[in-house]
PDBML (XML) file of the C-alpha atoms, coordinates in Angstrom:
<?xml version="1.0" encoding="UTF-8" ?>
<PDBx:datablock datablockName="MODEL"
   xmlns:PDBx="http://pdbml.pdb.org/schema/pdbx-v50.xsd"
   xmlns:xsi="http://www.w3.org/2001/XMLSchema-instance"
   xsi:schemaLocation="http://pdbml.pdb.org/schema/pdbx-v50.xsd pdbx-v50.xsd">
   <PDBx:atom_siteCategory>
      <PDBx:atom_site id="1">
         <PDBx:B_iso_or_equiv>0.00</PDBx:B_iso_or_equiv>
         <PDBx:Cartn_x>-135.403</PDBx:Cartn_x>
         <PDBx:Cartn_y>-74.249</PDBx:Cartn_y>
         <PDBx:Cartn_z>-204.012</PDBx:Cartn_z>
         <PDBx:auth_asym_id>A</PDBx:auth_asym_id>
         <PDBx:auth_atom_id>CA</PDBx:auth_atom_id>
         <PDBx:auth_comp_id>UNK</PDBx:auth_comp_id>
         <PDBx:auth_seq_id>1</PDBx:auth_seq_id>
         <PDBx:group_PDB>ATOM</PDBx:group_PDB>
         <PDBx:label_alt_id xsi:nil="true" />
         <PDBx:label_asym_id>A</PDBx:label_asym_id>
         <PDBx:label_atom_id>CA</PDBx:label_atom_id>
         <PDBx:label_comp_id>UNK</PDBx:label_comp_id>
         <PDBx:label_entity_id>1</PDBx:label_entity_id>
         <PDBx:label_seq_id>1</PDBx:label_seq_id>
         <PDBx:occupancy>1.00</PDBx:occupancy>
         <PDBx:pdbx_PDB_model_num>1</PDBx:pdbx_PDB_model_num>
         <PDBx:type_symbol>C</PDBx:type_symbol>
      </PDBx:atom_site>
      <PDBx:atom_site id="2">
         <PDBx:B_iso_or_equiv>0.00</PDBx:B_iso_or_equiv>
         <PDBx:Cartn_x>-137.436</PDBx:Cartn_x>
         <PDBx:Cartn_y>-71.015</PDBx:Cartn_y>
         <PDBx:Cartn_z>-204.152</PDBx:Cartn_z>
         <PDBx:auth_asym_id>A</PDBx:auth_asym_id>
         <PDBx:auth_atom_id>CA</PDBx:auth_atom_id>
         <PDBx:auth_comp_id>UNK</PDBx:auth_comp_id>
         <PDBx:auth_seq_id>2</PDBx:auth_seq_id>
         <PDBx:group_PDB>ATOM</PDBx:group_PDB>
         <PDBx:label_alt_id xsi:nil="true" />
         <PDBx:label_asym_id>A</PDBx:label_asym_id>
         <PDBx:label_atom_id>CA</PDBx:label_atom_id>
         <PDBx:label_comp_id>UNK</PDBx:label_comp_id>
         <PDBx:label_entity_id>1</PDBx:label_entity_id>
         <PDBx:label_seq_id>2</PDBx:label_seq_id>
         <PDBx:occupancy>1.00</PDBx:occupancy>
         <PDBx:pdbx_PDB_model_num>1</PDBx:pdbx_PDB_model_num>
         <PDBx:type_symbol>C</PDBx:type_symbol>
      </PDBx:atom_site>
      <PDBx:atom_site id="3">
         <PDBx:B_iso_or_equiv>0.00</PDBx:B_iso_or_equiv>
         <PDBx:Cartn_x>-135.030</PDBx:Cartn_x>
         <PDBx:Cartn_y>-68.450</PDBx:Cartn_y>
         <PDBx:Cartn_z>-205.664</PDBx:Cartn_z>
         <PDBx:auth_asym_id>A</PDBx:auth_asym_id>
         <PDBx:auth_atom_id>CA</PDBx:auth_atom_id>
         <PDBx:auth_comp_id>UNK</PDBx:auth_comp_id>
         <PDBx:auth_seq_id>3</PDBx:auth_seq_id>
         <PDBx:group_PDB>ATOM</PDBx:group_PDB>
         <PDBx:label_alt_id xsi:nil="true" />
         <PDBx:label_asym_id>A</PDBx:label_asym_id>
         <PDBx:label_atom_id>CA</PDBx:label_atom_id>
         <PDBx:label_comp_id>UNK</PDBx:label_comp_id>
         <PDBx:label_entity_id>1</PDBx:label_entity_id>
         <PDBx:label_seq_id>3</PDBx:label_seq_id>
         <PDBx:occupancy>1.00</PDBx:occupancy>
         <PDBx:pdbx_PDB_model_num>1</PDBx:pdbx_PDB_model_num>
         <PDBx:type_symbol>C</PDBx:type_symbol>
      </PDBx:atom_site>
      <PDBx:atom_site id="4">
         <PDBx:B_iso_or_equiv>0.00</PDBx:B_iso_or_equiv>
         <PDBx:Cartn_x>-134.883</PDBx:Cartn_x>
         <PDBx:Cartn_y>-68.492</PDBx:Cartn_y>
         <PDBx:Cartn_z>-209.459</PDBx:Cartn_z>
         <PDBx:auth_asym_id>A</PDBx:auth_asym_id>
         <PDBx:auth_atom_id>CA</PDBx:auth_atom_id>
         <PDBx:auth_comp_id>UNK</PDBx:auth_comp_id>
         <PDBx:auth_seq_id>4</PDBx:auth_seq_id>
         <PDBx:group_PDB>ATOM</PDBx:group_PDB>
         <PDBx:label_alt_id xsi:nil="true" />
         <PDBx:label_asym_id>A</PDBx:label_asym_id>
         <PDBx:label_atom_id>CA</PDBx:label_atom_id>
         <PDBx:label_comp_id>UNK</PDBx:label_comp_id>
         <PDBx:label_entity_id>1</PDBx:label_entity_id>
         <PDBx:label_seq_id>4</PDBx:label_seq_id>
         <PDBx:occupancy>1.00</PDBx:occupancy>
         <PDBx:pdbx_PDB_model_num>1</PDBx:pdbx_PDB_model_num>
         <PDBx:type_symbol>C</PDBx:type_symbol>
      </PDBx:atom_site>
      <PDBx:atom_site id="5">
         <PDBx:B_iso_or_equiv>0.00</PDBx:B_iso_or_equiv>
         <PDBx:Cartn_x>-132.996</PDBx:Cartn_x>
         <PDBx:Cartn_y>-65.247</PDBx:Cartn_y>
         <PDBx:Cartn_z>-210.172</PDBx:Cartn_z>
         <PDBx:auth_asym_id>A</PDBx:auth_asym_id>
         <PDBx:auth_atom_id>CA</PDBx:auth_atom_id>
         <PDBx:auth_comp_id>UNK</PDBx:auth_comp_id>
         <PDBx:auth_seq_id>5</PDBx:auth_seq_id>
         <PDBx:group_PDB>ATOM</PDBx:group_PDB>
         <PDBx:label_alt_id xsi:nil="true" />
         <PDBx:label_asym_id>A</PDBx:label_asym_id>
         <PDBx:label_atom_id>CA</PDBx:label_atom_id>
         <PDBx:label_comp_id>UNK</PDBx:label_comp_id>
         <PDBx:label_entity_id>1</PDBx:label_entity_id>
         <PDBx:label_seq_id>5</PDBx:label_seq_id>
         <PDBx:occupancy>1.00</PDBx:occupancy>
         <PDBx:pdbx_PDB_model_num>1</PDBx:pdbx_PDB_model_num>
         <PDBx:type_symbol>C</PDBx:type_symbol>
      </PDBx:atom_site>
      <PDBx:atom_site id="6">
         <PDBx:B_iso_or_equiv>0.00</PDBx:B_iso_or_equiv>
         <PDBx:Cartn_x>-132.751</PDBx:Cartn_x>
         <PDBx:Cartn_y>-61.633</PDBx:Cartn_y>
         <PDBx:Cartn_z>-209.164</PDBx:Cartn_z>
         <PDBx:auth_asym_id>A</PDBx:auth_asym_id>
         <PDBx:auth_atom_id>CA</PDBx:auth_atom_id>
         <PDBx:auth_comp_id>UNK</PDBx:auth_comp_id>
         <PDBx:auth_seq_id>6</PDBx:auth_seq_id>
         <PDBx:group_PDB>ATOM</PDBx:group_PDB>
         <PDBx:label_alt_id xsi:nil="true" />
         <PDBx:label_asym_id>A</PDBx:label_asym_id>
         <PDBx:label_atom_id>CA</PDBx:label_atom_id>
         <PDBx:label_comp_id>UNK</PDBx:label_comp_id>
         <PDBx:label_entity_id>1</PDBx:label_entity_id>
         <PDBx:label_seq_id>6</PDBx:label_seq_id>
         <PDBx:occupancy>1.00</PDBx:occupancy>
         <PDBx:pdbx_PDB_model_num>1</PDBx:pdbx_PDB_model_num>
         <PDBx:type_symbol>C</PDBx:type_symbol>
      </PDBx:atom_site>
      <PDBx:atom_site id="7">
         <PDBx:B_iso_or_equiv>0.00</PDBx:B_iso_or_equiv>
         <PDBx:Cartn_x>-130.988</PDBx:Cartn_x>
         <PDBx:Cartn_y>-58.426</PDBx:Cartn_y>
         <PDBx:Cartn_z>-210.005</PDBx:Cartn_z>
         <PDBx:auth_asym_id>A</PDBx:auth_asym_id>
         <PDBx:auth_atom_id>CA</PDBx:auth_atom_id>
         <PDBx:auth_comp_id>UNK</PDBx:auth_comp_id>
         <PDBx:auth_seq_id>7</PDBx:auth_seq_id>
         <PDBx:group_PDB>ATOM</PDBx:group_PDB>
         <PDBx:label_alt_id xsi:nil="true" />
         <PDBx:label_asym_id>A</PDBx:label_asym_id>
         <PDBx:label_atom_id>CA</PDBx:label_atom_id>
         <PDBx:label_comp_id>UNK</PDBx:label_comp_id>
         <PDBx:label_entity_id>1</PDBx:label_entity_id>
         <PDBx:label_seq_id>7</PDBx:label_seq_id>
         <PDBx:occupancy>1.00</PDBx:occupancy>
         <PDBx:pdbx_PDB_model_num>1</PDBx:pdbx_PDB_model_num>
         <PDBx:type_symbol>C</PDBx:type_symbol>
      </PDBx:atom_site>
      <PDBx:atom_site id="8">
         <PDBx:B_iso_or_equiv>0.00</PDBx:B_iso_or_equiv>
         <PDBx:Cartn_x>-130.541</PDBx:Cartn_x>
         <PDBx:Cartn_y>-54.833</PDBx:Cartn_y>
         <PDBx:Cartn_z>-209.029</PDBx:Cartn_z>
         <PDBx:auth_asym_id>A</PDBx:auth_asym_id>
         <PDBx:auth_atom_id>CA</PDBx:auth_atom_id>
         <PDBx:auth_comp_id>UNK</PDBx:auth_comp_id>
         <PDBx:auth_seq_id>8</PDBx:auth_seq_id>
         <PDBx:group_PDB>ATOM</PDBx:group_PDB>
         <PDBx:label_alt_id xsi:nil="true" />
         <PDBx:label_asym_id>A</PDBx:label_asym_id>
         <PDBx:label_atom_id>CA</PDBx:label_atom_id>
         <PDBx:label_comp_id>UNK</PDBx:label_comp_id>
         <PDBx:label_entity_id>1</PDBx:label_entity_id>
         <PDBx:label_seq_id>8</PDBx:label_seq_id>
         <PDBx:occupancy>1.00</PDBx:occupancy>
         <PDBx:pdbx_PDB_model_num>1</PDBx:pdbx_PDB_model_num>
         <PDBx:type_symbol>C</PDBx:type_symbol>
      </PDBx:atom_site>
      <PDBx:atom_site id="9">
         <PDBx:B_iso_or_equiv>0.00</PDBx:B_iso_or_equiv>
         <PDBx:Cartn_x>-131.317</PDBx:Cartn_x>
         <PDBx:Cartn_y>-52.014</PDBx:Cartn_y>
         <PDBx:Cartn_z>-211.396</PDBx:Cartn_z>
         <PDBx:auth_asym_id>A</PDBx:auth_asym_id>
         <PDBx:auth_atom_id>CA</PDBx:auth_atom_id>
         <PDBx:auth_comp_id>UNK</PDBx:auth_comp_id>
         <PDBx:auth_seq_id>9</PDBx:auth_seq_id>
         <PDBx:group_PDB>ATOM</PDBx:group_PDB>
         <PDBx:label_alt_id xsi:nil="true" />
         <PDBx:label_asym_id>A</PDBx:label_asym_id>
         <PDBx:label_atom_id>CA</PDBx:label_atom_id>
         <PDBx:label_comp_id>UNK</PDBx:label_comp_id>
         <PDBx:label_entity_id>1</PDBx:label_entity_id>
         <PDBx:label_seq_id>9</PDBx:label_seq_id>
         <PDBx:occupancy>1.00</PDBx:occupancy>
         <PDBx:pdbx_PDB_model_num>1</PDBx:pdbx_PDB_model_num>
         <PDBx:type_symbol>C</PDBx:type_symbol>
      </PDBx:atom_site>
      <PDBx:atom_site id="10">
         <PDBx:B_iso_or_equiv>0.00</PDBx:B_iso_or_equiv>
         <PDBx:Cartn_x>-129.390</PDBx:Cartn_x>
         <PDBx:Cartn_y>-48.880</PDBx:Cartn_y>
         <PDBx:Cartn_z>-212.275</PDBx:Cartn_z>
         <PDBx:auth_asym_id>A</PDBx:auth_asym_id>
         <PDBx:auth_atom_id>CA</PDBx:auth_atom_id>
         <PDBx:auth_comp_id>UNK</PDBx:auth_comp_id>
         <PDBx:auth_seq_id>10</PDBx:auth_seq_id>
         <PDBx:group_PDB>ATOM</PDBx:group_PDB>
         <PDBx:label_alt_id xsi:nil="true" />
         <PDBx:label_asym_id>A</PDBx:label_asym_id>
         <PDBx:label_atom_id>CA</PDBx:label_atom_id>
         <PDBx:label_comp_id>UNK</PDBx:label_comp_id>
         <PDBx:label_entity_id>1</PDBx:label_entity_id>
         <PDBx:label_seq_id>10</PDBx:label_seq_id>
         <PDBx:occupancy>1.00</PDBx:occupancy>
         <PDBx:pdbx_PDB_model_num>1</PDBx:pdbx_PDB_model_num>
         <PDBx:type_symbol>C</PDBx:type_symbol>
      </PDBx:atom_site>
      <PDBx:atom_site id="11">
         <PDBx:B_iso_or_equiv>0.00</PDBx:B_iso_or_equiv>
         <PDBx:Cartn_x>-130.932</PDBx:Cartn_x>
         <PDBx:Cartn_y>-45.643</PDBx:Cartn_y>
         <PDBx:Cartn_z>-210.949</PDBx:Cartn_z>
         <PDBx:auth_asym_id>A</PDBx:auth_asym_id>
         <PDBx:auth_atom_id>CA</PDBx:auth_atom_id>
         <PDBx:auth_comp_id>UNK</PDBx:auth_comp_id>
         <PDBx:auth_seq_id>11</PDBx:auth_seq_id>
         <PDBx:group_PDB>ATOM</PDBx:group_PDB>
         <PDBx:label_alt_id xsi:nil="true" />
         <PDBx:label_asym_id>A</PDBx:label_asym_id>
         <PDBx:label_atom_id>CA</PDBx:label_atom_id>
         <PDBx:label_comp_id>UNK</PDBx:label_comp_id>
         <PDBx:label_entity_id>1</PDBx:label_entity_id>
         <PDBx:label_seq_id>11</PDBx:label_seq_id>
         <PDBx:occupancy>1.00</PDBx:occupancy>
         <PDBx:pdbx_PDB_model_num>1</PDBx:pdbx_PDB_model_num>
         <PDBx:type_symbol>C</PDBx:type_symbol>
      </PDBx:atom_site>
      <PDBx:atom_site id="12">
         <PDBx:B_iso_or_equiv>0.00</PDBx:B_iso_or_equiv>
         <PDBx:Cartn_x>-133.698</PDBx:Cartn_x>
         <PDBx:Cartn_y>-43.887</PDBx:Cartn_y>
         <PDBx:Cartn_z>-212.884</PDBx:Cartn_z>
         <PDBx:auth_asym_id>A</PDBx:auth_asym_id>
         <PDBx:auth_atom_id>CA</PDBx:auth_atom_id>
         <PDBx:auth_comp_id>UNK</PDBx:auth_comp_id>
         <PDBx:auth_seq_id>12</PDBx:auth_seq_id>
         <PDBx:group_PDB>ATOM</PDBx:group_PDB>
         <PDBx:label_alt_id xsi:nil="true" />
         <PDBx:label_asym_id>A</PDBx:label_asym_id>
         <PDBx:label_atom_id>CA</PDBx:label_atom_id>
         <PDBx:label_comp_id>UNK</PDBx:label_comp_id>
         <PDBx:label_entity_id>1</PDBx:label_entity_id>
         <PDBx:label_seq_id>12</PDBx:label_seq_id>
         <PDBx:occupancy>1.00</PDBx:occupancy>
         <PDBx:pdbx_PDB_model_num>1</PDBx:pdbx_PDB_model_num>
         <PDBx:type_symbol>C</PDBx:type_symbol>
      </PDBx:atom_site>
      <PDBx:atom_site id="13">
         <PDBx:B_iso_or_equiv>0.00</PDBx:B_iso_or_equiv>
         <PDBx:Cartn_x>-131.226</PDBx:Cartn_x>
         <PDBx:Cartn_y>-41.313</PDBx:Cartn_y>
         <PDBx:Cartn_z>-214.206</PDBx:Cartn_z>
         <PDBx:auth_asym_id>A</PDBx:auth_asym_id>
         <PDBx:auth_atom_id>CA</PDBx:auth_atom_id>
         <PDBx:auth_comp_id>UNK</PDBx:auth_comp_id>
         <PDBx:auth_seq_id>13</PDBx:auth_seq_id>
         <PDBx:group_PDB>ATOM</PDBx:group_PDB>
         <PDBx:label_alt_id xsi:nil="true" />
         <PDBx:label_asym_id>A</PDBx:label_asym_id>
         <PDBx:label_atom_id>CA</PDBx:label_atom_id>
         <PDBx:label_comp_id>UNK</PDBx:label_comp_id>
         <PDBx:label_entity_id>1</PDBx:label_entity_id>
         <PDBx:label_seq_id>13</PDBx:label_seq_id>
         <PDBx:occupancy>1.00</PDBx:occupancy>
         <PDBx:pdbx_PDB_model_num>1</PDBx:pdbx_PDB_model_num>
         <PDBx:type_symbol>C</PDBx:type_symbol>
      </PDBx:atom_site>
      <PDBx:atom_site id="14">
         <PDBx:B_iso_or_equiv>0.00</PDBx:B_iso_or_equiv>
         <PDBx:Cartn_x>-130.031</PDBx:Cartn_x>
         <PDBx:Cartn_y>-43.989</PDBx:Cartn_y>
         <PDBx:Cartn_z>-216.636</PDBx:Cartn_z>
         <PDBx:auth_asym_id>A</PDBx:auth_asym_id>
         <PDBx:auth_atom_id>CA</PDBx:auth_atom_id>
         <PDBx:auth_comp_id>UNK</PDBx:auth_comp_id>
         <PDBx:auth_seq_id>14</PDBx:auth_seq_id>
         <PDBx:group_PDB>ATOM</PDBx:group_PDB>
         <PDBx:label_alt_id xsi:nil="true" />
         <PDBx:label_asym_id>A</PDBx:label_asym_id>
         <PDBx:label_atom_id>CA</PDBx:label_atom_id>
         <PDBx:label_comp_id>UNK</PDBx:label_comp_id>
         <PDBx:label_entity_id>1</PDBx:label_entity_id>
         <PDBx:label_seq_id>14</PDBx:label_seq_id>
         <PDBx:occupancy>1.00</PDBx:occupancy>
         <PDBx:pdbx_PDB_model_num>1</PDBx:pdbx_PDB_model_num>
         <PDBx:type_symbol>C</PDBx:type_symbol>
      </PDBx:atom_site>
      <PDBx:atom_site id="15">
         <PDBx:B_iso_or_equiv>0.00</PDBx:B_iso_or_equiv>
         <PDBx:Cartn_x>-133.543</PDBx:Cartn_x>
         <PDBx:Cartn_y>-45.025</PDBx:Cartn_y>
         <PDBx:Cartn_z>-217.744</PDBx:Cartn_z>
         <PDBx:auth_asym_id>A</PDBx:auth_asym_id>
         <PDBx:auth_atom_id>CA</PDBx:auth_atom_id>
         <PDBx:auth_comp_id>UNK</PDBx:auth_comp_id>
         <PDBx:auth_seq_id>15</PDBx:auth_seq_id>
         <PDBx:group_PDB>ATOM</PDBx:group_PDB>
         <PDBx:label_alt_id xsi:nil="true" />
         <PDBx:label_asym_id>A</PDBx:label_asym_id>
         <PDBx:label_atom_id>CA</PDBx:label_atom_id>
         <PDBx:label_comp_id>UNK</PDBx:label_comp_id>
         <PDBx:label_entity_id>1</PDBx:label_entity_id>
         <PDBx:label_seq_id>15</PDBx:label_seq_id>
         <PDBx:occupancy>1.00</PDBx:occupancy>
         <PDBx:pdbx_PDB_model_num>1</PDBx:pdbx_PDB_model_num>
         <PDBx:type_symbol>C</PDBx:type_symbol>
      </PDBx:atom_site>
      <PDBx:atom_site id="16">
         <PDBx:B_iso_or_equiv>0.00</PDBx:B_iso_or_equiv>
         <PDBx:Cartn_x>-135.455</PDBx:Cartn_x>
         <PDBx:Cartn_y>-44.252</PDBx:Cartn_y>
         <PDBx:Cartn_z>-220.906</PDBx:Cartn_z>
         <PDBx:auth_asym_id>A</PDBx:auth_asym_id>
         <PDBx:auth_atom_id>CA</PDBx:auth_atom_id>
         <PDBx:auth_comp_id>UNK</PDBx:auth_comp_id>
         <PDBx:auth_seq_id>16</PDBx:auth_seq_id>
         <PDBx:group_PDB>ATOM</PDBx:group_PDB>
         <PDBx:label_alt_id xsi:nil="true" />
         <PDBx:label_asym_id>A</PDBx:label_asym_id>
         <PDBx:label_atom_id>CA</PDBx:label_atom_id>
         <PDBx:label_comp_id>UNK</PDBx:label_comp_id>
         <PDBx:label_entity_id>1</PDBx:label_entity_id>
         <PDBx:label_seq_id>16</PDBx:label_seq_id>
         <PDBx:occupancy>1.00</PDBx:occupancy>
         <PDBx:pdbx_PDB_model_num>1</PDBx:pdbx_PDB_model_num>
         <PDBx:type_symbol>C</PDBx:type_symbol>
      </PDBx:atom_site>
      <PDBx:atom_site id="17">
         <PDBx:B_iso_or_equiv>0.00</PDBx:B_iso_or_equiv>
         <PDBx:Cartn_x>-139.210</PDBx:Cartn_x>
         <PDBx:Cartn_y>-44.738</PDBx:Cartn_y>
         <PDBx:Cartn_z>-221.272</PDBx:Cartn_z>
         <PDBx:auth_asym_id>A</PDBx:auth_asym_id>
         <PDBx:auth_atom_id>CA</PDBx:auth_atom_id>
         <PDBx:auth_comp_id>UNK</PDBx:auth_comp_id>
         <PDBx:auth_seq_id>17</PDBx:auth_seq_id>
         <PDBx:group_PDB>ATOM</PDBx:group_PDB>
         <PDBx:label_alt_id xsi:nil="true" />
         <PDBx:label_asym_id>A</PDBx:label_asym_id>
         <PDBx:label_atom_id>CA</PDBx:label_atom_id>
         <PDBx:label_comp_id>UNK</PDBx:label_comp_id>
         <PDBx:label_entity_id>1</PDBx:label_entity_id>
         <PDBx:label_seq_id>17</PDBx:label_seq_id>
         <PDBx:occupancy>1.00</PDBx:occupancy>
         <PDBx:pdbx_PDB_model_num>1</PDBx:pdbx_PDB_model_num>
         <PDBx:type_symbol>C</PDBx:type_symbol>
      </PDBx:atom_site>
      <PDBx:atom_site id="18">
         <PDBx:B_iso_or_equiv>0.00</PDBx:B_iso_or_equiv>
         <PDBx:Cartn_x>-140.628</PDBx:Cartn_x>
         <PDBx:Cartn_y>-45.675</PDBx:Cartn_y>
         <PDBx:Cartn_z>-224.669</PDBx:Cartn_z>
         <PDBx:auth_asym_id>A</PDBx:auth_asym_id>
         <PDBx:auth_atom_id>CA</PDBx:auth_atom_id>
         <PDBx:auth_comp_id>UNK</PDBx:auth_comp_id>
         <PDBx:auth_seq_id>18</PDBx:auth_seq_id>
         <PDBx:group_PDB>ATOM</PDBx:group_PDB>
         <PDBx:label_alt_id xsi:nil="true" />
         <PDBx:label_asym_id>A</PDBx:label_asym_id>
         <PDBx:label_atom_id>CA</PDBx:label_atom_id>
         <PDBx:label_comp_id>UNK</PDBx:label_comp_id>
         <PDBx:label_entity_id>1</PDBx:label_entity_id>
         <PDBx:label_seq_id>18</PDBx:label_seq_id>
         <PDBx:occupancy>1.00</PDBx:occupancy>
         <PDBx:pdbx_PDB_model_num>1</PDBx:pdbx_PDB_model_num>
         <PDBx:type_symbol>C</PDBx:type_symbol>
      </PDBx:atom_site>
      <PDBx:atom_site id="19">
         <PDBx:B_iso_or_equiv>0.00</PDBx:B_iso_or_equiv>
         <PDBx:Cartn_x>-144.184</PDBx:Cartn_x>
         <PDBx:Cartn_y>-44.938</PDBx:Cartn_y>
         <PDBx:Cartn_z>-225.736</PDBx:Cartn_z>
         <PDBx:auth_asym_id>A</PDBx:auth_asym_id>
         <PDBx:auth_atom_id>CA</PDBx:auth_atom_id>
         <PDBx:auth_comp_id>UNK</PDBx:auth_comp_id>
         <PDBx:auth_seq_id>19</PDBx:auth_seq_id>
         <PDBx:group_PDB>ATOM</PDBx:group_PDB>
         <PDBx:label_alt_id xsi:nil="true" />
         <PDBx:label_asym_id>A</PDBx:label_asym_id>
         <PDBx:label_atom_id>CA</PDBx:label_atom_id>
         <PDBx:label_comp_id>UNK</PDBx:label_comp_id>
         <PDBx:label_entity_id>1</PDBx:label_entity_id>
         <PDBx:label_seq_id>19</PDBx:label_seq_id>
         <PDBx:occupancy>1.00</PDBx:occupancy>
         <PDBx:pdbx_PDB_model_num>1</PDBx:pdbx_PDB_model_num>
         <PDBx:type_symbol>C</PDBx:type_symbol>
      </PDBx:atom_site>
      <PDBx:atom_site id="20">
         <PDBx:B_iso_or_equiv>0.00</PDBx:B_iso_or_equiv>
         <PDBx:Cartn_x>-145.565</PDBx:Cartn_x>
         <PDBx:Cartn_y>-45.350</PDBx:Cartn_y>
         <PDBx:Cartn_z>-229.240</PDBx:Cartn_z>
         <PDBx:auth_asym_id>A</PDBx:auth_asym_id>
         <PDBx:auth_atom_id>CA</PDBx:auth_atom_id>
         <PDBx:auth_comp_id>UNK</PDBx:auth_comp_id>
         <PDBx:auth_seq_id>20</PDBx:auth_seq_id>
         <PDBx:group_PDB>ATOM</PDBx:group_PDB>
         <PDBx:label_alt_id xsi:nil="true" />
         <PDBx:label_asym_id>A</PDBx:label_asym_id>
         <PDBx:label_atom_id>CA</PDBx:label_atom_id>
         <PDBx:label_comp_id>UNK</PDBx:label_comp_id>
         <PDBx:label_entity_id>1</PDBx:label_entity_id>
         <PDBx:label_seq_id>20</PDBx:label_seq_id>
         <PDBx:occupancy>1.00</PDBx:occupancy>
         <PDBx:pdbx_PDB_model_num>1</PDBx:pdbx_PDB_model_num>
         <PDBx:type_symbol>C</PDBx:type_symbol>
      </PDBx:atom_site>
      <PDBx:atom_site id="21">
         <PDBx:B_iso_or_equiv>0.00</PDBx:B_iso_or_equiv>
         <PDBx:Cartn_x>-148.521</PDBx:Cartn_x>
         <PDBx:Cartn_y>-43.111</PDBx:Cartn_y>
         <PDBx:Cartn_z>-230.055</PDBx:Cartn_z>
         <PDBx:auth_asym_id>A</PDBx:auth_asym_id>
         <PDBx:auth_atom_id>CA</PDBx:auth_atom_id>
         <PDBx:auth_comp_id>UNK</PDBx:auth_comp_id>
         <PDBx:auth_seq_id>21</PDBx:auth_seq_id>
         <PDBx:group_PDB>ATOM</PDBx:group_PDB>
         <PDBx:label_alt_id xsi:nil="true" />
         <PDBx:label_asym_id>A</PDBx:label_asym_id>
         <PDBx:label_atom_id>CA</PDBx:label_atom_id>
         <PDBx:label_comp_id>UNK</PDBx:label_comp_id>
         <PDBx:label_entity_id>1</PDBx:label_entity_id>
         <PDBx:label_seq_id>21</PDBx:label_seq_id>
         <PDBx:occupancy>1.00</PDBx:occupancy>
         <PDBx:pdbx_PDB_model_num>1</PDBx:pdbx_PDB_model_num>
         <PDBx:type_symbol>C</PDBx:type_symbol>
      </PDBx:atom_site>
      <PDBx:atom_site id="22">
         <PDBx:B_iso_or_equiv>0.00</PDBx:B_iso_or_equiv>
         <PDBx:Cartn_x>-149.940</PDBx:Cartn_x>
         <PDBx:Cartn_y>-42.782</PDBx:Cartn_y>
         <PDBx:Cartn_z>-233.522</PDBx:Cartn_z>
         <PDBx:auth_asym_id>A</PDBx:auth_asym_id>
         <PDBx:auth_atom_id>CA</PDBx:auth_atom_id>
         <PDBx:auth_comp_id>UNK</PDBx:auth_comp_id>
         <PDBx:auth_seq_id>22</PDBx:auth_seq_id>
         <PDBx:group_PDB>ATOM</PDBx:group_PDB>
         <PDBx:label_alt_id xsi:nil="true" />
         <PDBx:label_asym_id>A</PDBx:label_asym_id>
         <PDBx:label_atom_id>CA</PDBx:label_atom_id>
         <PDBx:label_comp_id>UNK</PDBx:label_comp_id>
         <PDBx:label_entity_id>1</PDBx:label_entity_id>
         <PDBx:label_seq_id>22</PDBx:label_seq_id>
         <PDBx:occupancy>1.00</PDBx:occupancy>
         <PDBx:pdbx_PDB_model_num>1</PDBx:pdbx_PDB_model_num>
         <PDBx:type_symbol>C</PDBx:type_symbol>
      </PDBx:atom_site>
      <PDBx:atom_site id="23">
         <PDBx:B_iso_or_equiv>0.00</PDBx:B_iso_or_equiv>
         <PDBx:Cartn_x>-147.007</PDBx:Cartn_x>
         <PDBx:Cartn_y>-44.779</PDBx:Cartn_y>
         <PDBx:Cartn_z>-234.893</PDBx:Cartn_z>
         <PDBx:auth_asym_id>A</PDBx:auth_asym_id>
         <PDBx:auth_atom_id>CA</PDBx:auth_atom_id>
         <PDBx:auth_comp_id>UNK</PDBx:auth_comp_id>
         <PDBx:auth_seq_id>23</PDBx:auth_seq_id>
         <PDBx:group_PDB>ATOM</PDBx:group_PDB>
         <PDBx:label_alt_id xsi:nil="true" />
         <PDBx:label_asym_id>A</PDBx:label_asym_id>
         <PDBx:label_atom_id>CA</PDBx:label_atom_id>
         <PDBx:label_comp_id>UNK</PDBx:label_comp_id>
         <PDBx:label_entity_id>1</PDBx:label_entity_id>
         <PDBx:label_seq_id>23</PDBx:label_seq_id>
         <PDBx:occupancy>1.00</PDBx:occupancy>
         <PDBx:pdbx_PDB_model_num>1</PDBx:pdbx_PDB_model_num>
         <PDBx:type_symbol>C</PDBx:type_symbol>
      </PDBx:atom_site>
      <PDBx:atom_site id="24">
         <PDBx:B_iso_or_equiv>0.00</PDBx:B_iso_or_equiv>
         <PDBx:Cartn_x>-144.486</PDBx:Cartn_x>
         <PDBx:Cartn_y>-42.300</PDBx:Cartn_y>
         <PDBx:Cartn_z>-233.457</PDBx:Cartn_z>
         <PDBx:auth_asym_id>A</PDBx:auth_asym_id>
         <PDBx:auth_atom_id>CA</PDBx:auth_atom_id>
         <PDBx:auth_comp_id>UNK</PDBx:auth_comp_id>
         <PDBx:auth_seq_id>24</PDBx:auth_seq_id>
         <PDBx:group_PDB>ATOM</PDBx:group_PDB>
         <PDBx:label_alt_id xsi:nil="true" />
         <PDBx:label_asym_id>A</PDBx:label_asym_id>
         <PDBx:label_atom_id>CA</PDBx:label_atom_id>
         <PDBx:label_comp_id>UNK</PDBx:label_comp_id>
         <PDBx:label_entity_id>1</PDBx:label_entity_id>
         <PDBx:label_seq_id>24</PDBx:label_seq_id>
         <PDBx:occupancy>1.00</PDBx:occupancy>
         <PDBx:pdbx_PDB_model_num>1</PDBx:pdbx_PDB_model_num>
         <PDBx:type_symbol>C</PDBx:type_symbol>
      </PDBx:atom_site>
   </PDBx:atom_siteCategory>
</PDBx:datablock>
């Protein structure tokens, strides 16, 4: 009764970071 969910992630090569600075 402890595990709710889990998942693996694709490698960082497939990632995109998003930052918004000054509205851009």
